[in-house]
Protein backbone atom coordinates (compact mmCIF):
# COMPACT_ATOMS: atom_id res chain seq x y z
CA MET A 1 13.97 -89.84 -63.70
CA GLN A 2 17.74 -90.04 -63.41
CA LEU A 3 19.36 -93.36 -64.31
CA ILE A 4 22.20 -94.31 -61.97
CA ASP A 5 24.64 -96.91 -63.26
CA ARG A 6 28.40 -97.48 -63.22
CA GLU A 7 29.08 -94.14 -64.89
CA HIS A 8 26.85 -91.99 -62.67
CA LYS A 9 26.70 -91.12 -59.00
CA ILE A 10 23.69 -90.32 -56.84
CA GLY A 11 23.45 -86.63 -56.11
CA HIS A 12 21.63 -87.11 -52.80
CA PRO A 13 22.89 -88.73 -49.57
CA SER A 14 19.53 -90.25 -48.51
CA LEU A 15 16.78 -91.99 -50.47
CA VAL A 16 13.48 -93.81 -50.03
CA ALA A 17 13.91 -96.93 -52.14
CA THR A 18 12.41 -100.20 -53.25
CA ILE A 19 14.07 -103.09 -55.03
CA GLY A 20 13.04 -105.67 -57.62
CA PHE A 21 13.45 -106.90 -61.18
CA PHE A 22 10.22 -105.15 -62.29
CA ASP A 23 9.66 -107.16 -65.45
CA GLY A 24 6.91 -105.42 -67.41
CA VAL A 25 6.53 -102.55 -64.91
CA HIS A 26 2.91 -103.64 -64.42
CA THR A 27 0.12 -102.19 -62.26
CA GLY A 28 1.41 -103.94 -59.14
CA HIS A 29 4.86 -102.45 -59.65
CA ARG A 30 3.37 -99.03 -60.26
CA PHE A 31 1.27 -99.22 -57.09
CA LEU A 32 4.41 -100.11 -55.11
CA ILE A 33 6.38 -97.25 -56.66
CA ASP A 34 3.52 -94.83 -55.89
CA GLN A 35 3.88 -95.82 -52.24
CA VAL A 36 7.63 -95.21 -52.41
CA LYS A 37 6.95 -91.73 -53.80
CA GLN A 38 4.38 -91.00 -51.08
CA VAL A 39 6.76 -92.01 -48.29
CA ALA A 40 9.56 -90.02 -49.94
CA GLU A 41 7.37 -86.91 -50.13
CA LYS A 42 6.45 -87.17 -46.45
CA ARG A 43 10.11 -87.49 -45.48
CA GLY A 44 11.32 -84.80 -47.87
CA LEU A 45 13.59 -87.26 -49.67
CA PRO A 46 14.01 -88.41 -53.28
CA SER A 47 12.42 -91.71 -54.37
CA ALA A 48 14.37 -94.54 -55.99
CA VAL A 49 13.88 -97.89 -57.66
CA ILE A 50 16.76 -100.38 -57.57
CA THR A 51 16.66 -102.94 -60.36
CA PHE A 52 18.90 -105.29 -62.37
CA PRO A 53 19.84 -105.22 -66.08
CA VAL A 54 19.88 -109.05 -66.27
CA HIS A 55 17.50 -111.47 -64.55
CA PRO A 56 19.28 -112.66 -61.36
CA ARG A 57 18.41 -116.29 -62.09
CA LYS A 58 20.21 -115.98 -65.44
CA ILE A 59 23.42 -115.07 -63.59
CA LEU A 60 23.11 -118.00 -61.20
CA GLN A 61 22.02 -120.52 -63.84
CA LYS A 62 23.70 -120.00 -67.23
CA ASP A 63 21.29 -122.37 -68.99
CA TYR A 64 18.22 -120.53 -67.68
CA GLN A 65 16.27 -118.83 -70.47
CA PRO A 66 14.02 -116.20 -68.88
CA ALA A 67 10.76 -115.32 -70.62
CA LEU A 68 10.54 -111.55 -70.24
CA LEU A 69 7.79 -109.01 -70.75
CA CYS A 70 10.31 -106.31 -71.63
CA GLY A 71 14.00 -105.90 -72.32
CA TYR A 72 16.23 -103.68 -70.20
CA ASP A 73 15.88 -100.53 -72.33
CA GLU A 74 12.09 -100.85 -72.44
CA LYS A 75 11.98 -101.42 -68.69
CA ILE A 76 13.94 -98.24 -68.03
CA LYS A 77 11.60 -96.26 -70.29
CA ARG A 78 8.53 -97.64 -68.53
CA LEU A 79 10.01 -96.97 -65.08
CA ALA A 80 10.57 -93.37 -66.18
CA THR A 81 6.80 -93.01 -66.69
CA THR A 82 6.18 -93.74 -62.98
CA GLY A 83 7.60 -90.38 -61.88
CA VAL A 84 10.23 -91.93 -59.57
CA ASP A 85 13.27 -89.70 -59.06
CA TYR A 86 16.05 -92.27 -59.48
CA CYS A 87 16.45 -95.65 -61.14
CA ILE A 88 19.52 -97.43 -59.81
CA SER A 89 20.77 -100.13 -62.18
CA LEU A 90 22.62 -102.69 -60.04
CA ASP A 91 24.68 -105.40 -61.73
CA PHE A 92 23.67 -108.70 -60.17
CA THR A 93 26.68 -110.95 -59.62
CA LYS A 94 27.35 -114.30 -57.97
CA GLU A 95 29.22 -112.41 -55.26
CA LEU A 96 26.19 -110.21 -54.64
CA ALA A 97 23.97 -113.30 -54.45
CA GLN A 98 26.15 -114.69 -51.66
CA LEU A 99 25.53 -111.70 -49.39
CA PRO A 100 23.20 -112.37 -46.45
CA ALA A 101 20.20 -110.02 -46.38
CA ARG A 102 21.63 -107.94 -43.53
CA ARG A 103 24.95 -107.40 -45.32
CA PHE A 104 23.10 -106.52 -48.52
CA MET A 105 21.00 -103.96 -46.67
CA GLN A 106 24.01 -102.44 -44.94
CA ASP A 107 26.70 -102.58 -47.63
CA ILE A 108 24.63 -102.03 -50.77
CA LEU A 109 21.32 -100.37 -49.92
CA LYS A 110 22.46 -98.09 -47.09
CA ASP A 111 26.20 -97.48 -47.51
CA LYS A 112 26.46 -97.57 -51.32
CA PHE A 113 23.14 -96.02 -52.36
CA GLY A 114 22.08 -94.13 -49.24
CA ALA A 115 18.75 -95.87 -48.69
CA ASN A 116 17.31 -94.21 -45.60
CA THR A 117 14.00 -96.03 -46.01
CA LEU A 118 13.20 -99.33 -47.75
CA VAL A 119 9.66 -100.02 -48.98
CA ILE A 120 8.97 -103.69 -49.80
CA GLY A 121 6.08 -106.12 -49.93
CA TYR A 122 5.54 -108.55 -47.06
CA ASP A 123 6.35 -111.50 -49.36
CA HIS A 124 9.44 -110.01 -51.00
CA ARG A 125 12.67 -111.97 -50.48
CA PHE A 126 16.30 -111.04 -51.07
CA GLY A 127 19.72 -112.03 -49.76
CA HIS A 128 21.55 -115.37 -49.83
CA ASN A 129 19.11 -118.26 -50.36
CA ARG A 130 16.24 -115.81 -49.76
CA GLU A 131 15.98 -117.27 -46.26
CA ASP A 132 14.91 -114.12 -44.36
CA ASP A 133 11.46 -112.56 -44.32
CA PHE A 134 9.92 -109.16 -43.68
CA SER A 135 10.24 -109.39 -39.90
CA ASP A 136 13.97 -110.03 -40.32
CA TYR A 137 14.37 -107.05 -42.68
CA LYS A 138 12.51 -104.90 -40.19
CA ARG A 139 14.83 -105.98 -37.38
CA TYR A 140 17.97 -105.46 -39.47
CA GLY A 141 16.72 -102.01 -40.42
CA ASN A 142 16.26 -101.04 -36.78
CA GLU A 143 19.81 -102.18 -36.05
CA MET A 144 21.32 -100.02 -38.81
CA ASN A 145 18.99 -97.04 -38.51
CA MET A 146 17.10 -97.82 -41.71
CA THR A 147 13.31 -97.65 -41.76
CA VAL A 148 11.68 -100.69 -43.42
CA VAL A 149 8.10 -100.08 -44.56
CA GLU A 150 5.67 -102.83 -45.56
CA ALA A 151 4.02 -101.97 -48.88
CA LEU A 152 0.28 -102.44 -49.25
CA PRO A 153 -1.01 -104.91 -51.87
CA LEU A 154 -2.76 -103.54 -54.93
CA PRO A 155 -6.51 -103.38 -54.18
CA GLY A 156 -9.14 -104.55 -56.64
CA LEU A 157 -6.93 -106.74 -58.83
CA ASP A 158 -6.05 -110.21 -57.58
CA ASN A 159 -2.70 -111.82 -58.30
CA VAL A 160 -1.06 -109.11 -60.38
CA SER A 161 2.32 -110.59 -61.25
CA SER A 162 4.72 -110.80 -64.16
CA SER A 163 4.28 -114.58 -64.28
CA ARG A 164 0.50 -114.28 -64.53
CA ILE A 165 0.80 -111.75 -67.36
CA ARG A 166 3.19 -114.05 -69.23
CA LYS A 167 0.64 -116.85 -68.87
CA LEU A 168 -2.19 -114.63 -70.16
CA LEU A 169 -0.14 -113.62 -73.20
CA GLY A 170 0.78 -117.24 -73.84
CA GLU A 171 -2.93 -118.11 -73.89
CA GLY A 172 -3.93 -115.18 -76.12
CA TYR A 173 -5.70 -113.12 -73.45
CA ILE A 174 -4.34 -109.85 -74.76
CA ARG A 175 -6.88 -107.48 -73.20
CA LYS A 176 -6.58 -109.11 -69.76
CA ALA A 177 -2.81 -108.83 -69.97
CA ALA A 178 -3.08 -105.17 -71.00
CA LYS A 179 -5.28 -104.45 -67.98
CA LEU A 180 -2.67 -105.87 -65.62
CA LEU A 181 0.20 -104.19 -67.46
CA SER A 182 -1.64 -100.82 -67.67
CA TYR A 183 -0.61 -100.62 -71.34
CA ASN A 184 -0.78 -102.70 -74.51
CA TYR A 185 1.95 -105.29 -74.89
CA THR A 186 4.53 -104.67 -77.63
CA ILE A 187 7.27 -106.44 -79.52
CA SER A 188 9.99 -104.79 -81.60
CA GLY A 189 12.39 -106.00 -84.24
CA LYS A 190 13.85 -105.72 -87.69
CA ILE A 191 12.06 -106.56 -90.93
CA VAL A 192 13.74 -109.47 -92.70
CA GLU A 193 13.09 -111.19 -96.00
CA GLY A 194 10.49 -113.95 -95.81
CA PHE A 195 8.95 -116.42 -98.25
CA GLN A 196 6.86 -113.64 -99.89
CA VAL A 197 3.83 -115.91 -100.07
CA GLY A 198 1.66 -113.09 -98.73
CA ARG A 199 2.17 -111.05 -101.89
CA THR A 200 0.93 -113.90 -104.08
CA ILE A 201 -2.36 -114.15 -102.16
CA GLY A 202 -3.00 -110.42 -101.89
CA PHE A 203 -1.81 -109.83 -98.32
CA PRO A 204 1.87 -108.79 -98.32
CA THR A 205 3.46 -109.17 -94.92
CA ALA A 206 6.57 -107.91 -93.16
CA ASN A 207 8.47 -110.67 -91.40
CA ILE A 208 9.73 -109.58 -87.98
CA GLN A 209 12.96 -110.69 -86.38
CA ILE A 210 12.51 -109.87 -82.68
CA TRP A 211 15.27 -107.85 -81.02
CA GLU A 212 14.90 -109.29 -77.51
CA THR A 213 15.82 -112.98 -77.51
CA TYR A 214 13.83 -113.73 -74.39
CA LYS A 215 10.77 -111.58 -75.10
CA VAL A 216 7.45 -113.35 -74.51
CA ILE A 217 5.70 -114.11 -77.80
CA PRO A 218 1.90 -114.31 -77.42
CA ALA A 219 -0.10 -117.40 -78.37
CA PHE A 220 -0.12 -118.60 -81.98
CA GLY A 221 -2.85 -116.92 -83.98
CA VAL A 222 -4.03 -113.69 -85.59
CA TYR A 223 -4.07 -110.31 -83.84
CA ALA A 224 -5.34 -106.79 -84.35
CA VAL A 225 -2.34 -104.48 -83.88
CA TYR A 226 -0.91 -101.03 -84.28
CA VAL A 227 2.36 -100.90 -86.20
CA TYR A 228 5.00 -98.19 -85.71
CA VAL A 229 7.45 -97.63 -88.57
CA ALA A 230 9.71 -94.58 -88.92
CA ASP A 231 7.65 -92.58 -86.39
CA GLN A 232 4.42 -93.37 -88.26
CA LYS A 233 1.53 -95.37 -86.81
CA TYR A 234 -0.56 -97.79 -88.87
CA ASP A 235 -3.33 -100.28 -88.26
CA GLY A 236 -2.37 -103.84 -89.00
CA MET A 237 -2.99 -107.58 -88.76
CA LEU A 238 -0.32 -109.77 -87.16
CA TYR A 239 0.17 -113.51 -87.50
CA VAL A 240 2.19 -115.67 -85.11
CA GLY A 241 2.55 -119.35 -85.87
CA LYS A 242 4.06 -122.14 -87.96
CA ARG A 243 1.99 -121.50 -91.13
CA PRO A 244 0.55 -125.06 -91.19
CA THR A 245 -1.35 -124.52 -94.44
CA LEU A 246 1.94 -123.72 -96.17
CA HIS A 247 3.80 -126.67 -94.60
CA ASN A 248 6.32 -124.43 -92.87
CA GLY A 249 7.56 -127.17 -90.54
CA ASP A 250 8.52 -126.09 -87.01
CA ASN A 251 9.68 -122.63 -88.06
CA ILE A 252 7.77 -119.94 -86.16
CA SER A 253 6.80 -116.91 -88.24
CA ILE A 254 5.90 -113.47 -86.91
CA GLU A 255 4.56 -111.42 -89.79
CA VAL A 256 2.38 -108.35 -90.06
CA ASN A 257 0.15 -107.03 -92.81
CA ILE A 258 0.25 -103.23 -92.50
CA PHE A 259 -2.90 -101.50 -93.70
CA ASP A 260 -2.60 -98.55 -96.10
CA PHE A 261 1.18 -98.81 -96.32
CA ASP A 262 3.19 -98.67 -99.52
CA GLY A 263 6.96 -98.82 -99.39
CA ASP A 264 10.08 -100.89 -98.78
CA LEU A 265 10.34 -102.22 -95.23
CA TYR A 266 13.36 -104.52 -95.44
CA ASN A 267 15.91 -103.96 -92.67
CA LYS A 268 13.78 -101.25 -91.07
CA ASP A 269 12.92 -101.24 -87.37
CA LEU A 270 9.33 -101.86 -86.41
CA THR A 271 7.25 -102.03 -83.22
CA VAL A 272 3.95 -103.87 -82.94
CA GLU A 273 1.39 -102.97 -80.28
CA PHE A 274 -1.12 -105.74 -79.57
CA ILE A 275 -4.76 -104.60 -79.49
CA ASP A 276 -6.67 -107.89 -79.36
CA PHE A 277 -6.62 -111.58 -80.22
CA ILE A 278 -8.70 -112.51 -83.29
CA ARG A 279 -8.45 -116.27 -83.68
CA PRO A 280 -6.05 -119.18 -83.02
CA ASP A 281 -3.75 -120.58 -85.68
CA GLU A 282 -5.27 -123.36 -87.76
CA LYS A 283 -4.57 -125.36 -90.89
CA MET A 284 -6.80 -124.60 -93.88
CA THR A 285 -7.72 -127.11 -96.57
CA ASP A 286 -5.87 -125.21 -99.30
CA ILE A 287 -4.58 -121.80 -100.39
CA GLU A 288 -8.02 -120.60 -101.52
CA ALA A 289 -9.49 -121.41 -98.12
CA LEU A 290 -6.56 -119.56 -96.51
CA LYS A 291 -7.16 -116.49 -98.68
CA ALA A 292 -10.85 -116.49 -97.79
CA GLN A 293 -10.05 -116.76 -94.07
CA ILE A 294 -7.50 -113.94 -94.22
CA ARG A 295 -10.10 -111.70 -95.89
CA LYS A 296 -12.47 -112.45 -93.00
CA ASP A 297 -9.66 -111.83 -90.52
CA LYS A 298 -8.93 -108.42 -92.00
CA ASP A 299 -12.60 -107.39 -91.80
CA THR A 300 -12.66 -108.52 -88.19
CA VAL A 301 -9.42 -106.67 -87.39
CA ILE A 302 -10.74 -103.45 -88.96
CA ASN A 303 -13.88 -103.65 -86.82
CA VAL A 304 -11.93 -104.48 -83.65
CA ILE A 305 -9.56 -101.54 -84.13
CA ARG A 306 -12.42 -99.20 -84.97
CA LYS A 307 -14.20 -100.21 -81.77
CA TYR A 308 -10.98 -99.90 -79.76
CA LYS A 309 -10.36 -96.40 -81.08
CA SER A 310 -13.91 -95.32 -80.21
CA LEU A 311 -13.41 -96.51 -76.62
CA LYS A 312 -10.16 -94.54 -76.32
CA ILE A 313 -11.71 -91.24 -77.41
């Protein structure tokens, strides 16, 4: 996949394209992009995805804090796995938002990027105030010699959307979210110094400072995870919550106990891949009760990961 941004130009005069924010690049997005590729192959043209580095609503409403499934760099990497020929990164501006749909199709999609064919879902909306619908796009396309194709919905999975996946993650339904994403959800960040309580109770943890400010953090609780550090993969147990047993106040901690790891992690980059939800966060009666629960959690995590690995073989 070739990334087209301000510093690059498209090397082909005509494209079959689709457009969207594509947060998470989930199964619905992938099914749409597969259709773009199929149409492109039939027409003997390259395929393209047009997307935005920043959520359009964030540009229009400065106070809006989007909850995202992936940051821009991760989105580009995941789009590259779809096999699409081009990814066009279009800066969304207030001026762009003011363009009526027909002007956007003519000036941006056709004249600027060479979109010969546009593949979109029947319920997709773009242009000023999102006031036009598919029938309007179809008519505009006929007027400017652009073919507008209605994409088919993804069969077999109801309501595959970024918002539904965010909701599933927020409720701890990790496996359901992974099914809709087509991959296990991840978070990445830098290891920072914590309270080091974990060491005193026999479970040293690495405290994670997330890179992406707006990345969705799954529900409070304990998780079975894979941990990636310096190109090495480890099994691990992740905790997300306010550490109520330790009277941590309203501070949210994201900390991971990495199995079979011995070394200094401070200031190193780390990625966590969520395998499954183990239990919700809860306040224990005292430190001893907490230690006993963590021992149970680790046994459960080991069994969950072992079962997961056996299913992947």
